[in-house]
Every structure is written in C-alpha cells, then in structure tokens.
Amino acid sequence: MVYTALHDKIIRIDNAENDLNFSRNLDNEKNLKIKTILCYPLKNSEEKTIAVIELINKHEGLFTNEDEEFLALITNQISRLLSQSIENERIHLKYNRILLLMEVFYHFFIIFISFFKFIN
C-alpha cells in the first residue's frame, strides 16, 4: 500500500506469504490471513495520489487484469466525487466568508450611521 502511494503504481500480489514487500504484521493486526492483494492509487484532478484503495483476498482465485480495469473505473468515479466535494467545500467556505464580511460591513454601517446622527 505504501509503495502504491509513493510510486503511483498498481500493485498486485498473488501470494502475500512469499512476497518480500508484504508486511506480515498486517496479518497479526487484522487477525486474518492475507493471501492476495490489489492496491490501486486514487488520484486527484492534478493526477497526484491522494489515497490508495486496497483489496485483499479475492473470493475465488487471483486478482486479474479485469479486476484492475474495474477498480480503475471505480477509482475514477471516487476521484471525481471527492474532487467535487472538495470544490463544494471551497465554495461553501468562500460563501461563509462573504456572509461574514457582509455582517461586519453591516455593523460598521450601523455604527457609522449612529455616530453620524450623534454628531448632528
């Protein structure tokens, strides 16, 4: 999973027990025997890896090229949704800042009008 994140590479491990890059600590931490792994990078709109999707222990057999292609479709959709969500949050924050500025200006205007009435 770390390799996928650092190198933007799809990793498919058919026999985790015999793979030198596989950390056996994961077996112990999750209380399961990991046999097969498919890791796929999740990229943002700038094509930078922002997360990794990891599938473990295919129900029957080994992970295939078709599994990779299917995972590519899923990660593309997730990336789009995530990007849209981030953009919506940015818009929401800008909107809230504008509302706050409007409120500040409103209070400033009220104080200004009150002061103007006071000096007249």
N, C-alpha and C. Protein backbone atom coordinates (compact mmCIF):
# COMPACT_ATOMS: atom_id res chain seq x y z
N MET A 1 0.82 -1.18 0.00
CA MET A 1 0.00 0.00 0.00
C MET A 1 0.87 1.25 0.00
N VAL A 2 1.91 1.27 0.79
CA VAL A 2 2.81 2.42 0.85
C VAL A 2 3.51 2.60 -0.49
N TYR A 3 3.95 1.50 -1.08
CA TYR A 3 4.62 1.58 -2.38
C TYR A 3 3.70 2.19 -3.42
N THR A 4 2.45 1.78 -3.42
CA THR A 4 1.47 2.33 -4.36
C THR A 4 1.33 3.83 -4.16
N ALA A 5 1.25 4.27 -2.92
CA ALA A 5 1.09 5.69 -2.62
C ALA A 5 2.33 6.49 -3.05
N LEU A 6 3.50 5.96 -2.78
CA LEU A 6 4.73 6.70 -3.08
C LEU A 6 5.09 6.71 -4.56
N HIS A 7 4.75 5.64 -5.27
CA HIS A 7 5.21 5.50 -6.65
C HIS A 7 4.10 5.53 -7.70
N ASP A 8 2.85 5.78 -7.28
CA ASP A 8 1.72 5.83 -8.21
C ASP A 8 1.63 4.57 -9.07
N LYS A 9 1.85 3.43 -8.46
CA LYS A 9 1.84 2.16 -9.19
C LYS A 9 0.77 1.24 -8.64
N ILE A 10 0.16 0.49 -9.55
CA ILE A 10 -0.78 -0.57 -9.16
C ILE A 10 0.06 -1.75 -8.68
N ILE A 11 -0.33 -2.30 -7.56
CA ILE A 11 0.37 -3.47 -7.02
C ILE A 11 -0.61 -4.63 -6.96
N ARG A 12 -0.18 -5.74 -7.52
CA ARG A 12 -0.99 -6.95 -7.46
C ARG A 12 -0.08 -8.05 -6.91
N ILE A 13 -0.45 -8.59 -5.77
CA ILE A 13 0.33 -9.65 -5.13
C ILE A 13 -0.53 -10.90 -5.12
N ASP A 14 -0.02 -11.93 -5.79
CA ASP A 14 -0.76 -13.19 -5.90
C ASP A 14 -0.52 -14.13 -4.72
N ASN A 15 0.61 -13.95 -4.04
CA ASN A 15 0.94 -14.81 -2.90
C ASN A 15 1.64 -13.95 -1.85
N ALA A 16 0.85 -13.36 -0.98
CA ALA A 16 1.40 -12.43 0.01
C ALA A 16 2.41 -13.08 0.93
N GLU A 17 2.20 -14.33 1.27
CA GLU A 17 3.12 -15.03 2.17
C GLU A 17 4.54 -15.06 1.64
N ASN A 18 4.69 -15.21 0.33
CA ASN A 18 6.02 -15.32 -0.27
C ASN A 18 6.54 -14.01 -0.84
N ASP A 19 5.79 -12.93 -0.69
CA ASP A 19 6.21 -11.64 -1.23
C ASP A 19 7.07 -10.90 -0.20
N LEU A 20 8.27 -10.51 -0.61
CA LEU A 20 9.20 -9.86 0.31
C LEU A 20 8.72 -8.48 0.75
N ASN A 21 7.89 -7.84 -0.06
CA ASN A 21 7.43 -6.49 0.26
C ASN A 21 6.21 -6.48 1.18
N PHE A 22 5.63 -7.62 1.41
CA PHE A 22 4.42 -7.71 2.23
C PHE A 22 4.80 -7.74 3.70
N SER A 23 4.15 -6.92 4.50
CA SER A 23 4.40 -6.89 5.94
C SER A 23 3.51 -7.90 6.64
N ARG A 24 4.11 -8.90 7.24
CA ARG A 24 3.35 -9.92 7.93
C ARG A 24 2.66 -9.37 9.19
N ASN A 25 3.05 -8.19 9.62
CA ASN A 25 2.38 -7.56 10.77
C ASN A 25 0.90 -7.31 10.49
N LEU A 26 0.58 -7.09 9.21
CA LEU A 26 -0.82 -6.85 8.84
C LEU A 26 -1.68 -8.07 9.16
N ASP A 27 -1.14 -9.26 8.91
CA ASP A 27 -1.87 -10.48 9.25
C ASP A 27 -2.21 -10.48 10.73
N ASN A 28 -1.22 -10.17 11.55
CA ASN A 28 -1.40 -10.21 13.01
C ASN A 28 -2.34 -9.10 13.48
N GLU A 29 -2.20 -7.88 12.93
CA GLU A 29 -3.02 -6.75 13.36
C GLU A 29 -4.50 -6.97 13.04
N LYS A 30 -4.79 -7.54 11.88
CA LYS A 30 -6.17 -7.67 11.43
C LYS A 30 -6.76 -9.04 11.72
N ASN A 31 -5.98 -9.91 12.33
CA ASN A 31 -6.44 -11.25 12.66
C ASN A 31 -7.00 -12.00 11.46
N LEU A 32 -6.35 -11.89 10.35
CA LEU A 32 -6.75 -12.67 9.19
C LEU A 32 -5.53 -13.03 8.38
N LYS A 33 -5.67 -14.01 7.55
CA LYS A 33 -4.56 -14.46 6.73
C LYS A 33 -4.71 -13.82 5.35
N ILE A 34 -3.81 -12.91 5.05
CA ILE A 34 -3.86 -12.21 3.77
C ILE A 34 -3.13 -13.06 2.73
N LYS A 35 -3.85 -13.37 1.65
CA LYS A 35 -3.29 -14.22 0.59
C LYS A 35 -3.01 -13.42 -0.67
N THR A 36 -4.01 -12.65 -1.12
CA THR A 36 -3.85 -11.87 -2.35
C THR A 36 -4.17 -10.40 -2.05
N ILE A 37 -3.50 -9.52 -2.79
CA ILE A 37 -3.67 -8.07 -2.57
C ILE A 37 -3.71 -7.38 -3.92
N LEU A 38 -4.58 -6.38 -4.03
CA LEU A 38 -4.59 -5.48 -5.18
C LEU A 38 -4.69 -4.07 -4.64
N CYS A 39 -3.65 -3.26 -4.91
CA CYS A 39 -3.62 -1.86 -4.46
C CYS A 39 -3.68 -0.96 -5.68
N TYR A 40 -4.50 0.06 -5.60
CA TYR A 40 -4.70 0.96 -6.73
C TYR A 40 -4.67 2.40 -6.21
N PRO A 41 -3.88 3.29 -6.86
CA PRO A 41 -3.82 4.68 -6.40
C PRO A 41 -5.08 5.46 -6.75
N LEU A 42 -5.53 6.27 -5.81
CA LEU A 42 -6.65 7.17 -6.03
C LEU A 42 -6.05 8.55 -6.24
N LYS A 43 -6.28 9.12 -7.43
CA LYS A 43 -5.63 10.38 -7.79
C LYS A 43 -6.62 11.53 -7.86
N ASN A 44 -6.12 12.73 -7.58
CA ASN A 44 -6.96 13.92 -7.71
C ASN A 44 -6.91 14.43 -9.15
N SER A 45 -7.52 15.58 -9.39
CA SER A 45 -7.59 16.11 -10.76
C SER A 45 -6.22 16.50 -11.31
N GLU A 46 -5.24 16.71 -10.41
CA GLU A 46 -3.88 17.02 -10.86
C GLU A 46 -3.04 15.75 -11.04
N GLU A 47 -3.69 14.59 -10.95
CA GLU A 47 -3.04 13.29 -11.11
C GLU A 47 -2.04 12.98 -9.99
N LYS A 48 -2.24 13.55 -8.81
CA LYS A 48 -1.42 13.23 -7.65
C LYS A 48 -2.17 12.22 -6.80
N THR A 49 -1.45 11.21 -6.33
CA THR A 49 -2.07 10.20 -5.48
C THR A 49 -2.45 10.80 -4.14
N ILE A 50 -3.73 10.66 -3.78
CA ILE A 50 -4.21 11.21 -2.52
C ILE A 50 -4.67 10.10 -1.56
N ALA A 51 -4.80 8.90 -2.08
CA ALA A 51 -5.20 7.75 -1.25
C ALA A 51 -4.92 6.48 -2.03
N VAL A 52 -5.06 5.37 -1.37
CA VAL A 52 -4.87 4.06 -2.01
C VAL A 52 -6.06 3.18 -1.64
N ILE A 53 -6.61 2.53 -2.64
CA ILE A 53 -7.66 1.54 -2.40
C ILE A 53 -6.98 0.18 -2.40
N GLU A 54 -7.24 -0.58 -1.34
CA GLU A 54 -6.61 -1.88 -1.20
C GLU A 54 -7.68 -2.96 -1.10
N LEU A 55 -7.59 -3.93 -1.99
CA LEU A 55 -8.47 -5.10 -1.92
C LEU A 55 -7.63 -6.28 -1.47
N ILE A 56 -8.17 -7.07 -0.55
CA ILE A 56 -7.43 -8.24 -0.09
C ILE A 56 -8.29 -9.49 -0.21
N ASN A 57 -7.62 -10.58 -0.49
CA ASN A 57 -8.23 -11.92 -0.51
C ASN A 57 -9.44 -12.01 -1.42
N LYS A 58 -9.17 -12.01 -2.73
CA LYS A 58 -10.25 -12.22 -3.68
C LYS A 58 -10.99 -13.51 -3.32
N HIS A 59 -12.30 -13.46 -3.44
CA HIS A 59 -13.14 -14.58 -3.01
C HIS A 59 -12.73 -15.90 -3.68
N GLU A 60 -12.53 -15.85 -4.99
CA GLU A 60 -12.12 -17.06 -5.71
C GLU A 60 -10.97 -16.71 -6.64
N GLY A 61 -9.88 -17.41 -6.52
CA GLY A 61 -8.75 -17.24 -7.43
C GLY A 61 -7.90 -16.01 -7.10
N LEU A 62 -7.22 -15.55 -8.15
CA LEU A 62 -6.31 -14.41 -8.02
C LEU A 62 -6.92 -13.18 -8.67
N PHE A 63 -6.42 -12.01 -8.28
CA PHE A 63 -6.85 -10.78 -8.94
C PHE A 63 -6.35 -10.81 -10.38
N THR A 64 -7.15 -10.26 -11.29
CA THR A 64 -6.85 -10.31 -12.72
C THR A 64 -6.75 -8.90 -13.31
N ASN A 65 -6.40 -8.85 -14.59
CA ASN A 65 -6.38 -7.57 -15.32
C ASN A 65 -7.78 -6.95 -15.33
N GLU A 66 -8.80 -7.79 -15.44
CA GLU A 66 -10.18 -7.30 -15.43
C GLU A 66 -10.52 -6.65 -14.09
N ASP A 67 -9.99 -7.24 -13.01
CA ASP A 67 -10.20 -6.63 -11.68
C ASP A 67 -9.55 -5.25 -11.62
N GLU A 68 -8.36 -5.14 -12.19
CA GLU A 68 -7.66 -3.86 -12.22
C GLU A 68 -8.46 -2.83 -13.03
N GLU A 69 -8.98 -3.26 -14.18
CA GLU A 69 -9.77 -2.35 -15.02
C GLU A 69 -11.04 -1.89 -14.30
N PHE A 70 -11.69 -2.82 -13.62
CA PHE A 70 -12.89 -2.48 -12.86
C PHE A 70 -12.55 -1.50 -11.73
N LEU A 71 -11.45 -1.77 -11.04
CA LEU A 71 -11.01 -0.89 -9.96
C LEU A 71 -10.64 0.48 -10.49
N ALA A 72 -10.09 0.53 -11.70
CA ALA A 72 -9.76 1.82 -12.33
C ALA A 72 -11.04 2.64 -12.54
N LEU A 73 -12.11 1.99 -13.00
CA LEU A 73 -13.38 2.69 -13.18
C LEU A 73 -13.92 3.22 -11.86
N ILE A 74 -13.86 2.40 -10.85
CA ILE A 74 -14.35 2.81 -9.53
C ILE A 74 -13.53 3.96 -8.98
N THR A 75 -12.20 3.86 -9.06
CA THR A 75 -11.36 4.93 -8.51
C THR A 75 -11.55 6.23 -9.27
N ASN A 76 -11.79 6.15 -10.57
CA ASN A 76 -12.06 7.38 -11.34
C ASN A 76 -13.33 8.06 -10.84
N GLN A 77 -14.36 7.27 -10.57
CA GLN A 77 -15.61 7.83 -10.06
C GLN A 77 -15.42 8.41 -8.66
N ILE A 78 -14.71 7.68 -7.82
CA ILE A 78 -14.44 8.18 -6.46
C ILE A 78 -13.65 9.47 -6.52
N SER A 79 -12.66 9.53 -7.41
CA SER A 79 -11.84 10.74 -7.56
C SER A 79 -12.69 11.93 -7.96
N ARG A 80 -13.58 11.71 -8.92
CA ARG A 80 -14.47 12.80 -9.35
C ARG A 80 -15.35 13.29 -8.21
N LEU A 81 -15.95 12.34 -7.50
CA LEU A 81 -16.81 12.72 -6.38
C LEU A 81 -16.04 13.45 -5.29
N LEU A 82 -14.85 12.96 -5.01
CA LEU A 82 -14.01 13.60 -4.00
C LEU A 82 -13.61 15.00 -4.43
N SER A 83 -13.23 15.16 -5.68
CA SER A 83 -12.87 16.48 -6.20
C SER A 83 -14.05 17.44 -6.15
N GLN A 84 -15.23 16.94 -6.52
CA GLN A 84 -16.44 17.78 -6.45
C GLN A 84 -16.75 18.16 -5.01
N SER A 85 -16.58 17.24 -4.11
CA SER A 85 -16.84 17.50 -2.70
C SER A 85 -15.88 18.56 -2.16
N ILE A 86 -14.61 18.44 -2.53
CA ILE A 86 -13.61 19.42 -2.10
C ILE A 86 -13.94 20.79 -2.68
N GLU A 87 -14.31 20.84 -3.95
CA GLU A 87 -14.66 22.11 -4.58
C GLU A 87 -15.91 22.71 -3.95
N ASN A 88 -16.89 21.88 -3.64
CA ASN A 88 -18.10 22.37 -2.97
C ASN A 88 -17.76 22.95 -1.60
N GLU A 89 -16.85 22.30 -0.90
CA GLU A 89 -16.43 22.80 0.42
C GLU A 89 -15.72 24.15 0.27
N ARG A 90 -14.89 24.29 -0.76
CA ARG A 90 -14.22 25.58 -1.00
C ARG A 90 -15.24 26.68 -1.29
N ILE A 91 -16.23 26.36 -2.11
CA ILE A 91 -17.28 27.33 -2.43
C ILE A 91 -18.04 27.69 -1.16
N HIS A 92 -18.36 26.70 -0.35
CA HIS A 92 -19.08 26.93 0.89
C HIS A 92 -18.27 27.85 1.82
N LEU A 93 -16.97 27.60 1.93
CA LEU A 93 -16.12 28.44 2.78
C LEU A 93 -16.07 29.88 2.26
N LYS A 94 -15.95 30.03 0.94
CA LYS A 94 -15.94 31.38 0.36
C LYS A 94 -17.27 32.09 0.63
N TYR A 95 -18.36 31.37 0.48
CA TYR A 95 -19.68 31.93 0.73
C TYR A 95 -19.80 32.39 2.18
N ASN A 96 -19.34 31.55 3.12
CA ASN A 96 -19.38 31.92 4.53
C ASN A 96 -18.51 33.14 4.83
N ARG A 97 -17.38 33.23 4.17
CA ARG A 97 -16.52 34.41 4.36
C ARG A 97 -17.21 35.68 3.85
N ILE A 98 -17.88 35.56 2.73
CA ILE A 98 -18.61 36.71 2.18
C ILE A 98 -19.73 37.12 3.13
N LEU A 99 -20.46 36.14 3.66
CA LEU A 99 -21.51 36.46 4.63
C LEU A 99 -20.94 37.15 5.86
N LEU A 100 -19.82 36.67 6.34
CA LEU A 100 -19.18 37.28 7.50
C LEU A 100 -18.76 38.71 7.20
N LEU A 101 -18.17 38.93 6.03
CA LEU A 101 -17.79 40.29 5.64
C LEU A 101 -19.01 41.20 5.53
N MET A 102 -20.07 40.67 4.96
CA MET A 102 -21.29 41.47 4.84
C MET A 102 -21.83 41.85 6.23
N GLU A 103 -21.76 40.91 7.16
CA GLU A 103 -22.22 41.19 8.51
C GLU A 103 -21.33 42.25 9.18
N VAL A 104 -20.03 42.15 8.98
CA VAL A 104 -19.11 43.14 9.54
C VAL A 104 -19.41 44.51 8.95
N PHE A 105 -19.56 44.56 7.63
CA PHE A 105 -19.87 45.84 6.99
C PHE A 105 -21.21 46.40 7.45
N TYR A 106 -22.19 45.52 7.66
CA TYR A 106 -23.49 45.97 8.14
C TYR A 106 -23.35 46.63 9.52
N HIS A 107 -22.64 45.97 10.43
CA HIS A 107 -22.45 46.53 11.77
C HIS A 107 -21.63 47.83 11.71
N PHE A 108 -20.65 47.84 10.87
CA PHE A 108 -19.87 49.06 10.68
C PHE A 108 -20.77 50.19 10.19
N PHE A 109 -21.64 49.87 9.23
CA PHE A 109 -22.56 50.86 8.69
C PHE A 109 -23.51 51.37 9.78
N ILE A 110 -24.05 50.48 10.61
CA ILE A 110 -24.94 50.87 11.70
C ILE A 110 -24.20 51.79 12.68
N ILE A 111 -22.98 51.43 13.02
CA ILE A 111 -22.19 52.28 13.92
C ILE A 111 -21.93 53.63 13.27
N PHE A 112 -21.60 53.62 12.00
CA PHE A 112 -21.32 54.86 11.28
C PHE A 112 -22.57 55.76 11.27
N ILE A 113 -23.73 55.18 10.95
CA ILE A 113 -24.99 55.95 10.93
C ILE A 113 -25.29 56.50 12.33
N SER A 114 -25.13 55.68 13.34
CA SER A 114 -25.37 56.12 14.72
C SER A 114 -24.44 57.27 15.09
N PHE A 115 -23.20 57.15 14.72
CA PHE A 115 -22.23 58.21 15.01
C PHE A 115 -22.60 59.47 14.25
N PHE A 116 -22.99 59.33 13.01
CA PHE A 116 -23.37 60.49 12.18
C PHE A 116 -24.58 61.21 12.78
N LYS A 117 -25.57 60.44 13.25
CA LYS A 117 -26.75 61.04 13.89
C LYS A 117 -26.36 61.74 15.19
N PHE A 118 -25.41 61.16 15.91
CA PHE A 118 -24.98 61.70 17.18
C PHE A 118 -24.30 63.05 17.02
N ILE A 119 -23.48 63.20 15.98
CA ILE A 119 -22.77 64.46 15.81
C ILE A 119 -23.64 65.54 15.18
N ASN A 120 -24.75 65.18 14.61
CA ASN A 120 -25.65 66.18 14.04
C ASN A 120 -26.65 66.62 15.01
